[in-house]
Protein backbone atom coordinates (compact mmCIF):
# COMPACT_ATOMS: atom_id res chain seq x y z
CA MET A 1 2.24 -16.25 39.36
CA GLY A 2 -0.87 -14.65 40.87
CA GLN A 3 0.84 -11.26 41.01
CA PHE A 4 1.90 -11.58 37.38
CA ARG A 5 -1.68 -12.21 36.35
CA ALA A 6 -2.87 -9.25 38.41
CA ASP A 7 -0.34 -7.03 36.64
CA LEU A 8 -1.75 -8.14 33.31
CA VAL A 9 -5.33 -7.10 34.11
CA PRO A 10 -4.98 -3.38 33.13
CA PHE A 11 -3.14 -4.37 29.96
CA VAL A 12 -5.82 -6.90 29.00
CA ILE A 13 -8.56 -4.32 29.65
CA MET A 14 -6.71 -1.76 27.53
CA MET A 15 -6.37 -4.24 24.66
CA ALA A 16 -10.07 -5.15 24.92
CA ILE A 17 -11.02 -1.47 24.70
CA LEU A 18 -8.73 -1.07 21.70
CA VAL A 19 -10.32 -4.02 19.89
CA ALA A 20 -13.83 -2.73 20.67
CA THR A 21 -12.89 0.71 19.36
CA LEU A 22 -11.56 -0.76 16.12
CA VAL A 23 -14.77 -2.72 15.61
CA ILE A 24 -17.00 0.31 16.25
CA PHE A 25 -15.01 2.67 14.05
CA TRP A 26 -14.08 0.10 11.39
CA LYS A 27 -15.30 2.30 8.50
CA LEU A 28 -12.87 5.00 9.56
CA LEU A 29 -10.03 2.60 10.19
CA ASP A 30 -8.30 3.32 6.88
CA VAL A 31 -7.84 7.06 7.52
CA VAL A 32 -6.86 6.53 11.16
CA VAL A 33 -4.30 3.87 10.23
CA LEU A 34 -2.99 6.12 7.46
CA ALA A 35 -2.70 9.07 9.87
CA ILE A 36 -0.90 6.99 12.50
CA SER A 37 1.53 5.49 9.99
CA ILE A 38 2.37 8.83 8.38
CA ALA A 39 2.79 10.44 11.81
CA VAL A 40 5.30 7.73 12.73
CA VAL A 41 7.23 8.18 9.49
CA ILE A 42 7.47 11.98 9.64
CA PHE A 43 7.95 12.23 13.41
CA PRO A 44 11.75 12.67 13.03
CA LEU A 45 11.00 15.82 11.01
CA HIS A 46 8.74 16.99 13.82
CA THR A 47 11.52 16.34 16.34
CA TYR A 48 13.94 18.39 14.22
CA CYS A 49 11.50 21.29 13.88
CA MET A 50 10.94 21.38 17.64
CA ARG A 51 14.53 22.53 18.03
CA TYR A 52 13.47 25.89 16.64
CA THR A 53 9.83 26.18 17.73
CA ASN A 54 7.26 24.64 20.07
CA ARG A 55 5.57 21.34 19.33
CA TYR A 56 2.17 22.87 18.53
CA LEU A 57 3.51 25.16 15.81
CA SER A 58 5.76 22.43 14.46
CA ALA A 59 2.85 19.97 14.25
CA ALA A 60 0.66 22.62 12.57
CA LEU A 61 3.31 23.47 9.97
CA ILE A 62 3.99 19.81 9.15
CA THR A 63 0.26 19.05 8.89
CA ILE A 64 -0.20 22.02 6.54
CA PHE A 65 2.80 20.87 4.52
CA VAL A 66 1.33 17.36 4.13
CA PHE A 67 -2.01 18.92 3.12
CA VAL A 68 -0.37 21.13 0.48
CA VAL A 69 1.67 18.22 -0.93
CA LEU A 70 -1.38 15.96 -1.19
CA VAL A 71 -3.57 18.69 -2.75
CA ALA A 72 -0.84 19.67 -5.23
CA THR A 73 -0.33 16.02 -6.17
CA ALA A 74 -4.08 15.54 -6.65
CA ILE A 75 -4.36 18.66 -8.82
CA LEU A 76 -1.37 17.59 -10.92
CA CYS A 77 -2.77 14.09 -11.46
CA ILE A 78 -6.24 15.39 -12.33
CA SER A 79 -4.84 17.94 -14.79
CA ILE A 80 -2.67 15.33 -16.54
CA LEU A 81 -5.51 12.81 -16.74
CA SER A 82 -8.04 15.37 -17.96
CA GLY A 83 -5.56 16.83 -20.45
CA ASN A 84 -5.05 13.39 -21.98
CA SER A 85 -8.64 12.19 -21.71
CA SER A 86 -8.99 12.30 -25.50
CA THR A 87 -6.17 9.77 -25.82
CA LEU A 88 -7.86 7.39 -23.40
CA GLN A 89 -11.22 7.90 -25.07
CA GLU A 90 -9.74 7.13 -28.47
CA VAL A 91 -8.29 3.87 -27.16
CA VAL A 92 -11.61 2.90 -25.56
CA ASP A 93 -13.58 3.75 -28.74
CA THR A 94 -11.20 1.67 -30.88
CA ILE A 95 -11.59 -1.34 -28.62
CA GLU A 96 -15.37 -1.02 -28.46
CA ARG A 97 -15.68 -0.72 -32.25
CA TRP A 98 -13.55 -3.80 -32.69
CA VAL A 99 -15.51 -5.80 -30.14
CA GLN A 100 -18.86 -4.81 -31.66
CA ASN A 101 -17.76 -5.51 -35.24
CA PRO A 102 -19.08 -9.00 -36.16
CA SER A 103 -16.48 -9.40 -38.94
CA THR A 104 -13.55 -9.32 -36.55
CA ASP A 105 -12.28 -12.27 -34.57
CA PRO A 106 -9.13 -12.30 -32.45
CA ARG A 107 -8.40 -15.86 -33.58
CA VAL A 108 -7.43 -14.59 -37.03
CA PHE A 109 -4.27 -13.21 -35.42
CA GLY A 110 -3.28 -16.66 -34.19
CA LEU A 111 -4.56 -16.31 -30.61
CA PRO A 112 -7.05 -18.82 -29.15
CA VAL A 113 -9.20 -16.03 -27.69
CA GLU A 114 -12.91 -15.47 -28.26
CA ARG A 115 -14.22 -11.96 -28.95
CA VAL A 116 -16.70 -12.35 -26.11
CA GLN A 117 -13.82 -13.09 -23.76
CA VAL A 118 -11.98 -9.96 -24.89
CA SER A 119 -15.16 -7.95 -24.38
CA THR A 120 -15.42 -9.35 -20.87
CA TRP A 121 -11.83 -8.37 -20.13
CA LEU A 122 -12.49 -4.84 -21.34
CA GLU A 123 -15.62 -4.47 -19.26
CA GLN A 124 -13.91 -5.88 -16.20
CA SER A 125 -10.96 -3.50 -16.59
CA LYS A 126 -13.27 -0.52 -16.99
CA SER A 127 -15.43 -1.72 -14.12
CA ILE A 128 -12.49 -2.10 -11.75
CA PHE A 129 -11.20 1.38 -12.57
CA PHE A 130 -14.48 3.26 -12.59
CA ARG A 131 -16.00 1.32 -9.69
CA TYR A 132 -12.98 2.20 -7.60
CA TRP A 133 -13.29 5.92 -8.27
CA THR A 134 -17.10 5.86 -8.03
CA MET A 135 -16.87 4.17 -4.66
CA LEU A 136 -14.19 6.62 -3.59
CA PHE A 137 -16.17 9.74 -4.51
CA SER A 138 -19.75 8.47 -4.12
CA ASP A 139 -20.31 10.10 -0.74
CA ILE A 140 -18.88 13.62 -0.52
CA THR A 141 -19.95 13.97 3.11
CA THR A 142 -18.05 10.84 4.13
CA ILE A 143 -15.00 11.96 2.16
CA ALA A 144 -15.01 15.38 3.85
CA LEU A 145 -15.38 13.71 7.26
CA LYS A 146 -12.49 11.35 6.55
CA ILE A 147 -10.28 14.22 5.39
CA ILE A 148 -11.01 16.13 8.60
CA ILE A 149 -10.36 13.04 10.72
CA PHE A 150 -7.13 12.31 8.86
CA PHE A 151 -5.55 15.75 9.26
CA GLY A 152 -6.97 16.19 12.76
CA SER A 153 -5.53 12.83 13.80
CA LEU A 154 -2.21 13.63 12.17
CA TYR A 155 -1.92 16.92 14.08
CA VAL A 156 -2.93 15.39 17.42
CA LEU A 157 -0.55 12.47 16.98
CA LEU A 158 2.35 14.79 16.21
CA VAL A 159 1.58 16.94 19.26
CA HIS A 160 0.77 14.21 21.77
CA GLY A 161 2.11 11.06 20.12
CA GLU A 162 5.29 10.82 22.17
CA GLN A 163 3.45 11.37 25.47
CA LEU A 164 0.76 8.88 24.46
CA LYS A 165 3.37 6.28 23.65
CA LYS A 166 5.07 6.77 27.01
CA ARG A 167 1.76 6.42 28.86
CA ILE A 168 0.91 3.25 26.98
CA MET A 169 4.35 1.78 27.70
CA ALA A 170 4.00 2.75 31.37
CA GLY A 171 0.69 0.89 31.53
CA ILE A 172 2.21 -2.28 30.16
CA PRO A 173 3.42 -4.77 32.81
CA GLU A 174 7.17 -4.62 33.23
CA SER A 175 7.44 -8.35 32.60
CA ILE A 176 6.41 -7.90 28.95
CA ARG A 177 7.50 -4.30 28.34
CA VAL A 178 10.79 -5.30 26.71
CA ARG A 179 8.95 -7.56 24.27
CA VAL A 180 6.50 -4.81 23.37
CA GLN A 181 9.41 -2.41 22.77
CA LYS A 182 10.97 -4.87 20.34
CA MET A 183 7.62 -5.17 18.58
CA ASP A 184 7.38 -1.37 18.40
CA ASP A 185 10.80 -1.10 16.78
CA GLY A 186 9.73 -3.61 14.15
CA ILE A 187 6.54 -1.65 13.42
CA VAL A 188 8.47 1.61 12.92
CA ASP A 189 10.91 -0.06 10.51
CA THR A 190 8.00 -1.62 8.62
CA LEU A 191 6.17 1.70 8.21
CA TYR A 192 9.30 3.40 6.91
CA ALA A 193 9.80 0.55 4.46
CA ILE A 194 6.17 0.65 3.29
CA TYR A 195 6.11 4.33 2.36
CA VAL A 196 9.66 4.72 1.12
CA VAL A 197 9.50 1.56 -0.98
CA HIS A 198 5.98 2.32 -2.26
CA ILE A 199 6.98 5.75 -3.54
CA GLY A 200 10.23 4.30 -4.86
CA ILE A 201 8.38 1.57 -6.77
CA ALA A 202 6.11 4.16 -8.39
CA ALA A 203 9.14 6.22 -9.42
CA LEU A 204 10.91 3.10 -10.71
CA THR A 205 7.83 2.13 -12.71
CA PHE A 206 7.75 5.56 -14.34
CA VAL A 207 11.43 5.42 -15.27
CA ILE A 208 11.45 1.91 -16.75
CA ALA A 209 8.11 2.53 -18.51
CA ILE A 210 9.55 5.39 -20.60
CA PRO A 211 11.91 3.26 -22.74
CA PHE A 212 9.28 0.52 -22.91
CA PHE A 213 6.58 2.80 -24.37
CA TRP A 214 9.15 4.37 -26.69
CA PHE A 215 9.94 0.90 -28.00
CA LEU A 216 6.24 0.03 -28.23
CA GLY A 217 5.71 2.98 -30.59
CA TYR A 218 2.18 4.04 -29.62
CA GLY A 219 3.19 7.62 -28.80
CA ASN A 220 2.18 9.54 -25.64
CA ILE A 221 5.23 8.06 -23.95
CA LEU A 222 5.27 10.31 -20.89
CA PHE A 223 1.52 10.07 -20.39
CA TYR A 224 1.42 6.27 -20.45
CA SER A 225 4.46 6.16 -18.16
CA PHE A 226 2.76 8.58 -15.78
CA LEU A 227 -0.42 6.48 -15.91
CA CYS A 228 1.55 3.39 -14.86
CA ALA A 229 3.18 5.24 -11.96
CA PHE A 230 -0.14 6.81 -10.95
CA CYS A 231 -1.93 3.45 -10.83
CA GLU A 232 1.06 1.97 -9.00
CA LEU A 233 0.49 4.44 -6.17
CA ILE A 234 -3.01 3.03 -5.72
CA PRO A 235 -2.68 -0.36 -3.98
CA VAL A 236 -6.03 -1.69 -5.22
CA LEU A 237 -5.23 -0.98 -8.87
CA GLY A 238 -1.54 -1.24 -9.71
CA SER A 239 0.10 -0.58 -13.06
CA SER A 240 -1.01 -3.96 -14.42
CA ILE A 241 -4.41 -2.46 -15.25
CA VAL A 242 -2.70 -0.17 -17.78
CA PHE A 243 -1.02 -3.04 -19.61
CA ILE A 244 -4.22 -5.09 -19.70
CA PHE A 245 -6.01 -2.06 -21.14
CA LEU A 246 -3.34 -1.36 -23.78
CA GLY A 247 -2.99 -5.05 -24.55
CA THR A 248 -6.66 -5.16 -25.47
CA TYR A 249 -6.15 -2.07 -27.63
CA ALA A 250 -3.20 -3.71 -29.42
CA LEU A 251 -5.37 -6.74 -30.09
CA SER A 252 -8.16 -4.56 -31.45
CA ILE A 253 -5.89 -2.93 -34.05
CA GLY A 254 -4.35 -6.26 -35.06
CA ASP A 255 -0.92 -5.52 -33.59
CA ILE A 256 -0.04 -9.01 -32.41
CA ASN A 257 3.58 -7.97 -31.80
CA GLY A 258 2.31 -5.20 -29.56
CA VAL A 259 0.23 -7.71 -27.60
CA LEU A 260 3.26 -9.88 -26.99
CA ILE A 261 5.47 -6.92 -26.11
CA LEU A 262 2.87 -5.56 -23.71
CA PHE A 263 2.53 -8.91 -21.99
CA PHE A 264 6.11 -10.15 -21.76
CA PHE A 265 7.97 -6.85 -21.41
CA GLY A 266 5.23 -4.59 -20.08
CA TYR A 267 3.03 -6.63 -17.78
CA ILE A 268 5.80 -8.95 -16.58
CA GLY A 269 8.81 -6.62 -16.76
CA VAL A 270 7.43 -3.19 -15.88
CA SER A 271 4.47 -4.14 -13.66
CA ALA A 272 4.82 -7.60 -12.14
CA LEU A 273 8.58 -7.74 -11.54
CA PRO A 274 8.76 -4.65 -9.27
CA GLU A 275 5.67 -5.83 -7.35
CA ILE A 276 6.65 -9.47 -6.96
CA TYR A 277 10.41 -9.09 -6.53
CA VAL A 278 11.68 -5.53 -5.97
CA ARG A 279 9.05 -4.41 -3.41
CA PRO A 280 9.23 -7.44 -1.06
CA VAL A 281 13.04 -7.62 -1.34
CA LEU A 282 13.54 -3.95 -0.40
CA MET A 283 10.98 -4.14 2.41
CA GLY A 284 12.40 -7.42 3.62
CA ARG A 285 15.90 -5.95 3.86
CA ARG A 286 14.69 -3.07 6.04
CA VAL A 287 12.74 -5.28 8.44
CA LYS A 288 15.06 -8.32 8.04
CA LEU A 289 12.27 -10.57 6.81
CA HIS A 290 12.04 -12.97 3.89
CA PRO A 291 10.65 -11.27 0.74
CA LEU A 292 7.97 -13.97 0.32
CA LEU A 293 6.52 -13.19 3.76
CA MET A 294 6.42 -9.46 2.93
CA LEU A 295 4.71 -10.26 -0.37
CA ILE A 296 2.06 -12.29 1.47
CA GLY A 297 1.58 -9.51 4.01
CA PHE A 298 1.22 -6.77 1.41
CA PHE A 299 -1.16 -8.47 -1.02
CA GLY A 300 -3.01 -10.37 1.70
CA GLY A 301 -3.61 -7.14 3.61
CA VAL A 302 -4.89 -5.27 0.55
CA ILE A 303 -7.22 -8.13 -0.42
CA THR A 304 -8.69 -8.67 3.04
CA MET A 305 -8.69 -5.13 4.47
CA GLY A 306 -8.56 -2.78 1.48
CA MET A 307 -6.58 0.44 1.85
CA ALA A 308 -5.99 -0.17 5.56
CA GLY A 309 -4.47 -3.54 4.69
CA PHE A 310 -1.81 -1.76 2.64
CA VAL A 311 -0.28 -0.80 5.99
CA LEU A 312 -1.70 -3.40 8.38
CA GLY A 313 -0.89 -6.47 6.27
CA PRO A 314 2.93 -6.11 6.39
CA VAL A 315 2.73 -4.86 9.99
CA PHE A 316 0.87 -7.98 11.14
CA ILE A 317 3.35 -10.23 9.34
CA VAL A 318 6.28 -8.45 11.01
CA LEU A 319 4.58 -8.64 14.43
CA LEU A 320 3.97 -12.36 13.99
CA PHE A 321 7.55 -13.00 12.90
CA ASN A 322 9.08 -10.82 15.64
CA GLY A 323 6.86 -12.48 18.24
CA TYR A 324 8.16 -15.85 17.13
CA LYS A 325 11.78 -14.59 17.28
CA ILE A 326 11.27 -13.24 20.80
CA PHE A 327 9.77 -16.56 21.90
CA ILE A 328 12.72 -18.52 20.52
CA GLU A 329 15.30 -16.12 22.02
CA GLU A 330 13.68 -16.31 25.45
CA ARG A 331 13.68 -20.10 25.36
CA LYS A 332 17.39 -20.05 24.56
CA ASP A 333 18.09 -17.54 27.35
CA THR A 334 16.12 -19.65 29.80
CA GLY A 335 18.56 -22.49 29.20
CA GLU A 336 16.17 -25.40 29.67
CA PRO A 337 18.03 -28.42 31.06
CA SER A 338 18.84 -31.06 28.51
CA GLN A 339 18.29 -34.77 29.02
CA ASP A 340 21.96 -35.23 29.95
CA ASN A 341 21.45 -33.10 33.09
CA ASN A 342 18.42 -35.04 34.22
CA PRO A 343 19.01 -37.80 36.78
CA ALA A 344 18.75 -41.27 35.34
């Protein structure tokens, strides 16, 4: 028993250093977690490329490829949003005119809603959207530093990630190494599920939004569908913000049918259903975990840890569940004597 505890000392020290590092660099945790998770997901591509070149060139090419994809995506999104800014401005102006007009009252359309309440909803929706982007781009220096750290970390992890993992596993006491390996397998499956499912949900939202906006009849079908998919890629926002925004617009023009369609078929069908059912079910199948637990991990992580929680929330849930499974399996393998085998 004493030897077992002595073997655990280096591991405990390593974990203490890791926790201290996370506390010190908490503000950079989101980009580091993002870099680690993406490195894990694209590492098979790195392994394939190393068949034809060395690991340094392969890591550099993949890092450049990720940079180009992200920049191209950002430019595309900015160009689409700026090109349709007049449409968004027209919707905002219509809502504001309706809210400020003392002769209008949403109750005349049969809804028990006060105009002040609608005004509050509008301001909250705008505040959430603009506060998010203001916070994101408020400090250019910090953004530039995070970008450098992200791509630098991604490159280093691709080059030295495998060796680093082997050294960490070698430093773990043999008595718990098998358990840690099982935990590691669960983390890898979770990260694959997070990114594949997240991109898939955004694509699904875009596809099912097209017939919905065609049926709604407000025009700009592709733009509104893109806006839903774009917001869906941002964990803090989600496509629900689009339907709340358009629902307020429908109310401002007196389209009560549009309000109902936006709520029951848009908000519930296009936005909420993929988030509440499709995402946790698909992730749960990959990691063999109940969809409700994945839903708690995803939303709980985003609420408590922000962007980092988008990855860490589901990972922590999977670690907790796998730890419990390992504990139960080891108790079964131990074969504890039952009461029948005990002497009377």
